[in-house]
Amino acid sequence: MSSHKRKRSASVFSSGSRSSQGRHLPSDSINPLSHSDSTIKQLRVAGLTEDDLLPSNYIPDFPHRPIRASLQDDEQDQQQQPDDDSPNSGSGEEEGADDAKKTRRRKQAARRMRGAQDQHLGFLTGVILRAIEEGDIPRAKRAFGLLRRSEVVGKPVDLRKNGLWSLGAEILMRDGEAKSRSVIPVEGSGGLHGDQEGRGNAGGEEEGGSNSKKAARRWGSAANMLQLRTYLESLIRQYPYNRLQPNSISDLDFYPVLFSCEFYNTWVEHKLALERLNEDSESWSDDLDIPAIDMPDYEEDMQAVDEYHQHHFTGRERRLRQEKANLGLRAMSTMRDIAARLDGLMENAPYSRSTEFLRLRGMVSLYIGDLSVQPPPRASDEEEEGNQVRQQEQAKARTFFVRMRQNGGQVDTYTEKWLGDRNAGQDDDYGEDEDDDDHGTQWSGLPVFSSLPVR
């Protein structure tokens, strides 16, 4: 009897199983999709029948798309929520559960803040980058101002994120930029501004003549240095160096940018002024009354040196020399101020070990040495004194470059060659009178301004 019932129960189960498997298909159909046995087993494990629609057909990236963070957090909260009806739940367990819940909420809030910040900043950053690439500086300035005033979940935007501060520096320096700009004649394409020739040719090339020079614009404007300095100094005060977070962006990064911009502005304005002076001097007469030069003891020195009077230079040549000397003195004053500020900072760590500080200080010394040599015509004592100061500054520069290399800094090819020549006892020919139209011509191809915020 029991055996008969067991057989009958098995028969009923088997009949029900067959009906459930084929409830969507006619009874005479057999595996219409031609699934293999292993596939059918996997479908059954997943709770699907042979004719059910697979999730990959209506869920994108299934099964590799992750669950949304908000849903996952809600599920975790529901799973970890304490049971108030549990008889074993005491006050200590409730406090622990509350603390854990608060911790989870803080983490969730932090994740939401990061997500909202990335989305918001990503959009504004894209607008700024595109405007800068297209040369639409007013639009980039408006977008950056909006970004700086923005708040994400009640907190201001951290400009150190993704180098946003450097975009602000570039926008401020290029504020008021127009197509017609100051130009610097550059021989060939290896100059400091060779990468900007495609975008920066204000006058293009001089029409007519095969000896026309390429013209490359300067970066930014001298009129913008005040607002750029104010901006960088505010970043220096806002983000001081923290020894507990040595890898964070801080004033250790902002100071080299500030000094580099001042260095670059001094160098390029000096160079542009010399170019304009050479052009203007072509219309000067040879018979000119030379005004008193703004140099201490200049007249006494010139009268004391008979060799100077033997050259018999024209009034135009003497005036040109005097104007060049005045330009050099102004540039020298600015560079010595930069050197003094750098020296004051580098008295203490970590500035004394910063490779960018050491590189920049070495370049400042080299440029000061070049400015120390007066333009021709020179008296013998002037030339001797200028070369002596220049050698002293070059010795300082060598010390800074060696320290930079000892602290792990990368030495560029030109500086490496210069150091090698000095170690071999060879006198470099930088600053010598090829035409001696301006000081610092030898640096036109050197990567001097490695800290400038130029992309």
Protein backbone atom coordinates (compact mmCIF):
# COMPACT_ATOMS: atom_id res chain seq x y z
CA MET A 1 0.00 0.00 0.00
CA SER A 2 2.70 2.41 1.00
CA SER A 3 4.73 1.33 -1.98
CA HIS A 4 1.82 2.06 -4.28
CA LYS A 5 1.38 5.51 -2.71
CA ARG A 6 5.05 6.32 -3.13
CA LYS A 7 4.91 5.41 -6.79
CA ARG A 8 1.79 7.44 -7.25
CA SER A 9 3.34 10.45 -5.51
CA ALA A 10 6.37 10.18 -7.73
CA SER A 11 4.15 10.05 -10.75
CA VAL A 12 2.25 13.13 -9.64
CA PHE A 13 5.52 15.03 -8.95
CA SER A 14 6.94 14.11 -12.29
CA SER A 15 3.77 15.19 -14.03
CA GLY A 16 3.76 18.52 -12.21
CA SER A 17 7.41 19.07 -13.02
CA ARG A 18 6.85 18.45 -16.69
CA SER A 19 3.88 20.80 -16.73
CA SER A 20 5.86 23.56 -14.98
CA GLN A 21 8.76 23.24 -17.40
CA GLY A 22 6.56 23.51 -20.42
CA ARG A 23 3.87 25.84 -19.20
CA HIS A 24 4.77 28.40 -21.88
CA LEU A 25 5.08 25.93 -24.74
CA PRO A 26 2.89 23.36 -26.41
CA SER A 27 3.19 19.90 -24.93
CA ASP A 28 4.72 18.47 -28.08
CA SER A 29 7.57 21.05 -28.33
CA ILE A 30 11.02 19.89 -27.34
CA ASN A 31 13.70 22.47 -26.35
CA PRO A 32 12.89 25.00 -29.13
CA LEU A 33 16.06 27.09 -28.43
CA SER A 34 18.36 24.09 -28.70
CA HIS A 35 20.00 24.75 -25.33
CA SER A 36 22.68 22.36 -24.23
CA ASP A 37 22.28 20.38 -21.05
CA SER A 38 24.78 22.58 -19.20
CA THR A 39 22.92 25.74 -20.24
CA ILE A 40 19.62 24.30 -19.08
CA LYS A 41 21.17 23.47 -15.71
CA GLN A 42 22.48 27.03 -15.36
CA LEU A 43 19.06 28.44 -16.20
CA ARG A 44 17.45 26.28 -13.57
CA VAL A 45 19.99 27.40 -10.97
CA ALA A 46 19.14 31.00 -11.86
CA GLY A 47 15.43 30.29 -11.52
CA LEU A 48 14.74 30.67 -15.25
CA THR A 49 13.11 28.42 -17.78
CA GLU A 50 14.32 27.69 -21.28
CA ASP A 51 12.01 30.24 -22.88
CA ASP A 52 12.53 33.13 -20.40
CA LEU A 53 14.23 36.32 -21.62
CA LEU A 54 17.82 36.53 -20.38
CA PRO A 55 18.76 39.57 -18.23
CA SER A 56 21.61 40.44 -20.61
CA ASN A 57 19.00 41.30 -23.24
CA TYR A 58 17.44 44.15 -21.26
CA ILE A 59 20.11 45.14 -18.67
CA PRO A 60 23.11 47.01 -20.18
CA ASP A 61 26.53 45.58 -19.31
CA PHE A 62 24.98 42.67 -17.41
CA PRO A 63 26.43 41.11 -15.26
CA HIS A 64 29.46 43.43 -15.00
CA ARG A 65 27.67 46.70 -14.27
CA PRO A 66 27.97 47.41 -10.52
CA ILE A 67 25.03 48.12 -8.31
CA ARG A 68 24.41 51.81 -7.74
CA ALA A 69 26.12 53.09 -4.60
CA SER A 70 22.92 54.56 -3.16
CA LEU A 71 21.02 51.28 -3.51
CA GLN A 72 23.94 49.34 -2.08
CA ASP A 73 24.16 51.67 0.91
CA ASP A 74 20.41 51.40 1.53
CA GLU A 75 20.62 47.62 1.44
CA GLN A 76 23.54 47.66 3.88
CA ASP A 77 21.61 49.95 6.20
CA GLN A 78 18.61 47.65 6.10
CA GLN A 79 20.72 44.57 6.71
CA GLN A 80 22.69 46.13 9.57
CA GLN A 81 19.74 47.88 11.21
CA PRO A 82 19.34 46.49 14.75
CA ASP A 83 16.21 44.56 15.64
CA ASP A 84 14.36 46.49 18.33
CA ASP A 85 12.27 43.43 19.22
CA SER A 86 15.31 41.30 19.95
CA PRO A 87 15.39 40.39 23.62
CA ASN A 88 19.22 40.35 23.65
CA SER A 89 19.63 43.94 22.48
CA GLY A 90 20.99 46.05 25.28
CA SER A 91 21.92 49.69 25.66
CA GLY A 92 25.57 49.00 24.78
CA GLU A 93 24.64 47.26 21.56
CA GLU A 94 22.27 50.07 20.63
CA GLU A 95 25.00 52.68 21.15
CA GLY A 96 27.43 50.64 19.04
CA ALA A 97 24.83 50.31 16.31
CA ASP A 98 24.17 54.06 16.40
CA ASP A 99 27.89 54.82 16.10
CA ALA A 100 28.24 52.43 13.19
CA LYS A 101 25.23 53.98 11.53
CA LYS A 102 26.66 57.48 11.93
CA THR A 103 29.97 56.33 10.49
CA ARG A 104 28.21 54.84 7.48
CA ARG A 105 26.26 58.03 6.97
CA ARG A 106 29.44 60.11 7.05
CA LYS A 107 31.04 57.85 4.48
CA GLN A 108 27.96 58.02 2.31
CA ALA A 109 27.93 61.81 2.55
CA ALA A 110 31.62 61.92 1.60
CA ARG A 111 30.98 59.70 -1.42
CA ARG A 112 28.06 61.82 -2.53
CA MET A 113 30.14 64.97 -2.10
CA ARG A 114 32.98 63.55 -4.19
CA GLY A 115 30.58 62.49 -6.89
CA ALA A 116 28.83 65.85 -7.00
CA GLN A 117 32.15 67.68 -6.96
CA ASP A 118 33.58 65.61 -9.79
CA GLN A 119 30.49 66.19 -11.90
CA HIS A 120 30.35 69.92 -11.21
CA LEU A 121 34.08 70.54 -11.58
CA GLY A 122 34.30 68.32 -14.63
CA PHE A 123 31.81 70.45 -16.51
CA LEU A 124 33.36 73.80 -15.55
CA THR A 125 36.89 72.52 -16.15
CA GLY A 126 35.90 71.37 -19.62
CA VAL A 127 34.51 74.82 -20.39
CA ILE A 128 37.69 76.50 -19.13
CA LEU A 129 40.05 74.22 -21.06
CA ARG A 130 38.13 74.64 -24.29
CA ALA A 131 38.00 78.42 -23.90
CA ILE A 132 41.75 78.58 -23.26
CA GLU A 133 42.51 76.40 -26.27
CA GLU A 134 40.33 78.61 -28.46
CA GLY A 135 41.91 81.77 -27.06
CA ASP A 136 38.60 82.94 -25.57
CA ILE A 137 40.15 84.24 -22.36
CA PRO A 138 37.12 86.35 -21.26
CA ARG A 139 34.92 83.25 -21.34
CA ALA A 140 37.55 81.21 -19.50
CA LYS A 141 37.82 83.95 -16.87
CA ARG A 142 34.05 83.96 -16.27
CA ALA A 143 33.97 80.17 -15.98
CA PHE A 144 36.90 80.14 -13.56
CA GLY A 145 35.31 82.86 -11.45
CA LEU A 146 32.15 80.76 -11.25
CA LEU A 147 34.22 77.73 -10.30
CA ARG A 148 36.06 79.60 -7.56
CA ARG A 149 32.81 80.89 -6.05
CA SER A 150 31.13 77.49 -6.24
CA GLU A 151 30.41 75.32 -3.25
CA VAL A 152 29.94 71.58 -3.23
CA VAL A 153 27.78 70.33 -0.36
CA GLY A 154 28.46 73.55 1.52
CA LYS A 155 32.24 73.49 1.08
CA PRO A 156 34.37 75.65 -1.23
CA VAL A 157 36.12 74.10 -4.19
CA ASP A 158 39.70 73.01 -3.53
CA LEU A 159 41.69 74.66 -6.34
CA ARG A 160 44.55 72.21 -5.82
CA LYS A 161 42.40 69.42 -7.24
CA ASN A 162 43.50 68.47 -10.77
CA GLY A 163 45.71 71.55 -11.04
CA LEU A 164 42.79 74.01 -11.19
CA TRP A 165 44.98 76.70 -9.63
CA SER A 166 47.32 76.63 -12.64
CA LEU A 167 44.40 77.32 -14.97
CA GLY A 168 43.59 80.39 -12.91
CA ALA A 169 47.20 81.58 -13.12
CA GLU A 170 47.24 81.20 -16.90
CA ILE A 171 43.92 83.00 -17.29
CA LEU A 172 45.07 85.93 -15.16
CA MET A 173 48.37 86.23 -17.01
CA ARG A 174 46.64 86.15 -20.40
CA ASP A 175 43.80 88.47 -19.42
CA GLY A 176 43.09 91.02 -22.12
CA GLU A 177 44.86 88.92 -24.72
CA ALA A 178 44.32 90.01 -28.31
CA LYS A 179 45.51 88.79 -31.67
CA SER A 180 47.84 91.75 -32.11
CA ARG A 181 50.55 91.33 -29.50
CA SER A 182 54.16 92.09 -28.76
CA VAL A 183 56.49 89.89 -30.75
CA ILE A 184 60.01 88.62 -30.31
CA PRO A 185 62.06 87.84 -33.42
CA VAL A 186 63.33 84.29 -33.11
CA GLU A 187 65.94 82.67 -35.28
CA GLY A 188 64.63 79.25 -36.26
CA SER A 189 62.11 77.32 -34.24
CA GLY A 190 64.18 76.30 -31.22
CA GLY A 191 63.50 79.39 -29.14
CA LEU A 192 61.78 79.62 -25.83
CA HIS A 193 58.48 80.41 -27.52
CA GLY A 194 58.79 77.94 -30.37
CA ASP A 195 55.80 75.98 -29.11
CA GLN A 196 53.62 79.08 -29.36
CA GLU A 197 54.52 80.18 -32.85
CA GLY A 198 51.51 78.51 -34.41
CA ARG A 199 49.10 80.40 -32.18
CA GLY A 200 51.10 83.48 -31.34
CA ASN A 201 52.34 85.04 -34.56
CA ALA A 202 50.89 88.47 -34.19
CA GLY A 203 52.38 89.82 -37.33
CA GLY A 204 53.08 86.43 -38.80
CA GLU A 205 56.19 86.74 -40.92
CA GLU A 206 57.31 89.89 -42.59
CA GLU A 207 55.97 89.93 -46.11
CA GLY A 208 58.51 90.03 -48.87
CA GLY A 209 62.14 89.06 -48.68
CA SER A 210 63.63 85.66 -48.02
CA ASN A 211 65.41 86.82 -44.87
CA SER A 212 62.23 87.56 -42.92
CA LYS A 213 62.32 86.50 -39.29
CA LYS A 214 59.70 84.46 -37.55
CA ALA A 215 57.82 86.30 -34.83
CA ALA A 216 56.71 84.64 -31.60
CA ARG A 217 54.56 86.41 -29.05
CA ARG A 218 55.38 86.72 -25.39
CA TRP A 219 53.28 84.77 -22.92
CA GLY A 220 50.82 86.93 -21.07
CA SER A 221 51.08 90.64 -20.45
CA ALA A 222 53.27 92.71 -18.15
CA ALA A 223 50.18 94.64 -17.03
CA ASN A 224 48.77 91.44 -15.51
CA MET A 225 51.70 90.72 -13.21
CA LEU A 226 50.12 92.54 -10.27
CA GLN A 227 46.89 90.53 -10.29
CA LEU A 228 48.82 87.31 -10.92
CA ARG A 229 51.10 88.04 -7.95
CA THR A 230 48.07 88.76 -5.75
CA TYR A 231 46.43 85.49 -6.81
CA LEU A 232 49.52 83.37 -6.16
CA GLU A 233 50.22 85.05 -2.83
CA SER A 234 46.65 84.25 -1.73
CA LEU A 235 47.26 80.60 -2.58
CA ILE A 236 50.54 80.69 -0.64
CA ARG A 237 48.72 81.96 2.45
CA GLN A 238 45.82 79.54 2.01
CA TYR A 239 47.90 76.40 1.50
CA PRO A 240 51.13 76.59 3.55
CA TYR A 241 53.51 73.67 3.63
CA ASN A 242 52.49 70.91 6.03
CA ARG A 243 55.23 68.51 7.08
CA LEU A 244 52.59 65.92 7.97
CA GLN A 245 51.43 65.95 4.33
CA PRO A 246 54.64 66.58 2.39
CA ASN A 247 53.21 65.42 -0.94
CA SER A 248 50.25 67.82 -0.90
CA ILE A 249 50.32 70.87 -3.14
CA SER A 250 51.42 73.84 -1.03
CA ASP A 251 53.45 77.04 -1.11
CA LEU A 252 56.39 74.82 -2.00
CA ASP A 253 54.76 74.63 -5.45
CA PHE A 254 53.33 78.16 -5.66
CA TYR A 255 56.51 80.08 -4.83
CA PRO A 256 58.49 78.77 -7.84
CA VAL A 257 55.60 79.70 -10.13
CA LEU A 258 55.50 83.23 -8.73
CA PHE A 259 59.26 83.75 -9.05
CA SER A 260 59.33 82.14 -12.49
CA CYS A 261 56.63 84.48 -13.77
CA GLU A 262 58.49 87.50 -12.41
CA PHE A 263 61.73 86.21 -13.92
CA TYR A 264 60.11 85.59 -17.27
CA ASN A 265 58.40 88.98 -17.30
CA THR A 266 61.68 90.76 -16.55
CA TRP A 267 63.59 88.83 -19.20
CA VAL A 268 61.03 89.19 -21.97
CA GLU A 269 60.33 92.88 -21.29
CA HIS A 270 64.06 93.56 -21.38
CA LYS A 271 64.36 91.68 -24.65
CA LEU A 272 61.38 93.43 -26.22
CA ALA A 273 62.67 96.83 -25.10
CA LEU A 274 66.03 96.12 -26.74
CA GLU A 275 64.29 95.11 -29.95
CA ARG A 276 62.29 98.34 -30.00
CA LEU A 277 65.40 100.33 -29.17
CA ASN A 278 67.31 98.87 -32.10
CA GLU A 279 64.46 99.72 -34.44
CA ASP A 280 64.12 103.28 -33.13
CA SER A 281 67.87 103.93 -33.25
CA GLU A 282 67.91 103.51 -37.02
CA SER A 283 66.28 106.91 -37.37
CA TRP A 284 68.63 108.69 -34.98
CA SER A 285 71.16 111.19 -36.22
CA ASP A 286 74.88 110.63 -35.74
CA ASP A 287 75.30 114.09 -34.19
CA LEU A 288 73.43 114.00 -30.88
CA ASP A 289 73.83 115.62 -27.51
CA ILE A 290 74.01 112.77 -25.03
CA PRO A 291 72.07 113.38 -21.78
CA ALA A 292 73.63 112.43 -18.49
CA ILE A 293 73.46 108.68 -17.99
CA ASP A 294 71.81 107.36 -14.85
CA MET A 295 74.86 105.47 -13.59
CA PRO A 296 76.92 106.37 -10.49
CA ASP A 297 80.38 107.76 -11.18
CA TYR A 298 79.87 107.04 -14.87
CA GLU A 299 81.33 110.31 -16.17
CA GLU A 300 84.36 110.15 -13.87
CA ASP A 301 85.15 106.63 -14.98
CA MET A 302 84.83 107.55 -18.62
CA GLN A 303 87.08 110.55 -18.26
CA ALA A 304 89.66 108.49 -16.38
CA VAL A 305 89.95 105.96 -19.16
CA ASP A 306 91.82 107.28 -22.18
CA GLU A 307 91.14 104.11 -24.13
CA TYR A 308 87.45 104.92 -24.27
CA HIS A 309 88.05 108.23 -26.07
CA GLN A 310 90.18 106.58 -28.70
CA HIS A 311 87.18 104.74 -30.19
CA HIS A 312 85.64 107.98 -31.51
CA PHE A 313 82.10 106.62 -31.55
CA THR A 314 79.31 108.71 -33.01
CA GLY A 315 76.61 110.33 -30.93
CA ARG A 316 74.09 107.74 -32.14
CA GLU A 317 76.28 104.85 -30.98
CA ARG A 318 76.93 106.42 -27.59
CA ARG A 319 73.24 107.12 -27.07
CA LEU A 320 72.34 103.57 -28.06
CA ARG A 321 74.87 102.23 -25.59
CA GLN A 322 73.50 104.48 -22.85
CA GLU A 323 69.89 103.39 -23.45
CA LYS A 324 70.91 99.74 -23.38
CA ALA A 325 72.77 100.27 -20.11
CA ASN A 326 69.69 101.86 -18.54
CA LEU A 327 67.51 98.93 -19.60
CA GLY A 328 70.06 96.52 -18.16
CA LEU A 329 70.13 98.37 -14.84
CA ARG A 330 66.35 98.16 -14.50
CA ALA A 331 66.37 94.44 -15.24
CA MET A 332 69.29 93.94 -12.84
CA SER A 333 67.40 95.65 -10.02
CA THR A 334 64.39 93.36 -10.46
CA MET A 335 66.50 90.21 -10.68
CA ARG A 336 68.48 91.06 -7.54
CA ASP A 337 65.20 91.54 -5.69
CA ILE A 338 64.04 88.09 -6.85
CA ALA A 339 67.38 86.59 -5.79
CA ALA A 340 67.14 88.16 -2.32
CA ARG A 341 63.63 86.81 -1.78
CA LEU A 342 64.67 83.35 -2.93
CA ASP A 343 67.70 83.38 -0.63
CA GLY A 344 65.50 84.37 2.31
CA LEU A 345 63.16 81.44 1.74
CA MET A 346 65.96 78.96 1.07
CA GLU A 347 67.54 79.54 4.46
CA ASN A 348 65.10 77.00 5.89
CA ALA A 349 63.87 73.55 4.95
CA PRO A 350 62.05 72.31 2.93
CA TYR A 351 62.73 75.21 0.54
CA SER A 352 66.47 74.66 0.72
CA ARG A 353 65.99 71.11 -0.63
CA SER A 354 63.40 71.92 -3.29
CA THR A 355 64.72 71.09 -6.75
CA GLU A 356 62.58 73.81 -8.34
CA PHE A 357 63.92 76.42 -5.93
CA LEU A 358 67.50 75.34 -6.64
CA ARG A 359 67.00 75.29 -10.41
CA LEU A 360 65.35 78.68 -10.43
CA ARG A 361 67.99 80.23 -8.17
CA GLY A 362 70.73 78.96 -10.46
CA MET A 363 69.04 80.46 -13.51
CA VAL A 364 68.62 83.78 -11.70
CA SER A 365 72.36 83.85 -10.97
CA LEU A 366 73.21 83.16 -14.59
CA TYR A 367 70.98 85.97 -15.81
CA ILE A 368 72.36 88.40 -13.23
CA GLY A 369 75.84 87.50 -14.43
CA ASP A 370 74.89 88.29 -18.01
CA LEU A 371 73.36 91.63 -17.02
CA SER A 372 76.55 92.54 -15.15
CA VAL A 373 78.47 92.90 -18.42
CA GLN A 374 77.86 96.36 -19.87
CA PRO A 375 76.94 96.72 -23.54
CA PRO A 376 79.61 97.93 -25.96
CA PRO A 377 81.45 100.20 -26.37
CA ARG A 378 83.08 99.23 -23.07
CA ALA A 379 86.10 100.55 -21.29
CA SER A 380 88.66 97.98 -20.21
CA ASP A 381 87.93 98.39 -16.50
CA GLU A 382 84.20 98.03 -17.17
CA GLU A 383 84.76 94.82 -19.04
CA GLU A 384 87.06 93.46 -16.36
CA GLU A 385 84.64 94.32 -13.56
CA GLY A 386 81.65 92.91 -15.44
CA ASN A 387 83.39 89.64 -16.22
CA GLN A 388 84.48 89.29 -12.60
CA VAL A 389 80.90 89.66 -11.33
CA ARG A 390 79.70 87.33 -14.04
CA GLN A 391 82.15 84.62 -13.02
CA GLN A 392 81.05 84.93 -9.40
CA GLU A 393 77.40 84.53 -10.38
CA GLN A 394 78.22 81.54 -12.56
CA ALA A 395 80.00 79.91 -9.63
CA LYS A 396 76.86 80.40 -7.54
CA ALA A 397 74.73 78.93 -10.32
CA ARG A 398 76.96 75.89 -10.53
CA THR A 399 76.59 75.32 -6.78
CA PHE A 400 72.81 75.47 -7.01
CA PHE A 401 72.67 73.12 -10.00
CA VAL A 402 74.88 70.58 -8.26
CA ARG A 403 72.69 70.71 -5.16
CA MET A 404 69.62 70.30 -7.35
CA ARG A 405 71.09 67.15 -8.88
CA GLN A 406 72.05 65.81 -5.44
CA ASN A 407 68.44 66.26 -4.27
CA GLY A 408 67.09 64.21 -7.16
CA GLY A 409 66.33 66.98 -9.64
CA GLN A 410 66.47 66.38 -13.38
CA VAL A 411 69.17 68.40 -15.13
CA ASP A 412 68.32 69.39 -18.69
CA THR A 413 70.73 68.78 -21.55
CA TYR A 414 71.93 72.38 -21.78
CA THR A 415 72.65 72.72 -18.08
CA GLU A 416 74.39 69.33 -18.06
CA LYS A 417 76.63 70.46 -20.89
CA TRP A 418 77.31 73.77 -19.15
CA LEU A 419 78.28 71.98 -15.94
CA GLY A 420 80.51 69.62 -17.88
CA ASP A 421 82.29 72.47 -19.64
CA ARG A 422 82.85 74.26 -16.35
CA ASN A 423 84.21 71.11 -14.72
CA ALA A 424 86.59 70.72 -17.64
CA GLY A 425 87.84 74.26 -17.11
CA GLN A 426 86.40 75.63 -20.33
CA ASP A 427 85.06 79.15 -20.34
CA ASP A 428 81.62 79.29 -21.85
CA ASP A 429 80.99 81.82 -24.56
CA TYR A 430 77.61 82.85 -23.17
CA GLY A 431 77.21 86.59 -23.10
CA GLU A 432 80.10 87.32 -25.46
CA ASP A 433 79.76 89.94 -28.14
CA GLU A 434 78.44 88.28 -31.22
CA ASP A 435 76.43 91.37 -32.03
CA ASP A 436 75.78 92.07 -28.35
CA ASP A 437 72.45 93.59 -29.25
CA ASP A 438 71.01 92.49 -25.94
CA HIS A 439 71.88 90.64 -22.78
CA GLY A 440 70.72 87.12 -22.26
CA THR A 441 70.48 86.16 -25.94
CA GLN A 442 72.23 82.91 -25.12
CA TRP A 443 69.22 81.78 -23.08
CA SER A 444 66.74 81.97 -25.97
CA GLY A 445 66.83 78.20 -26.41
CA LEU A 446 67.17 77.05 -22.80
CA PRO A 447 64.28 75.58 -20.80
CA VAL A 448 64.70 78.17 -18.07
CA PHE A 449 61.14 78.60 -16.88
CA SER A 450 60.24 75.03 -15.94
CA SER A 451 57.88 76.18 -13.18
CA LEU A 452 55.67 78.40 -15.31
CA PRO A 453 52.01 77.30 -15.32
CA VAL A 454 51.95 76.95 -19.10
CA ARG A 455 50.31 73.83 -20.44
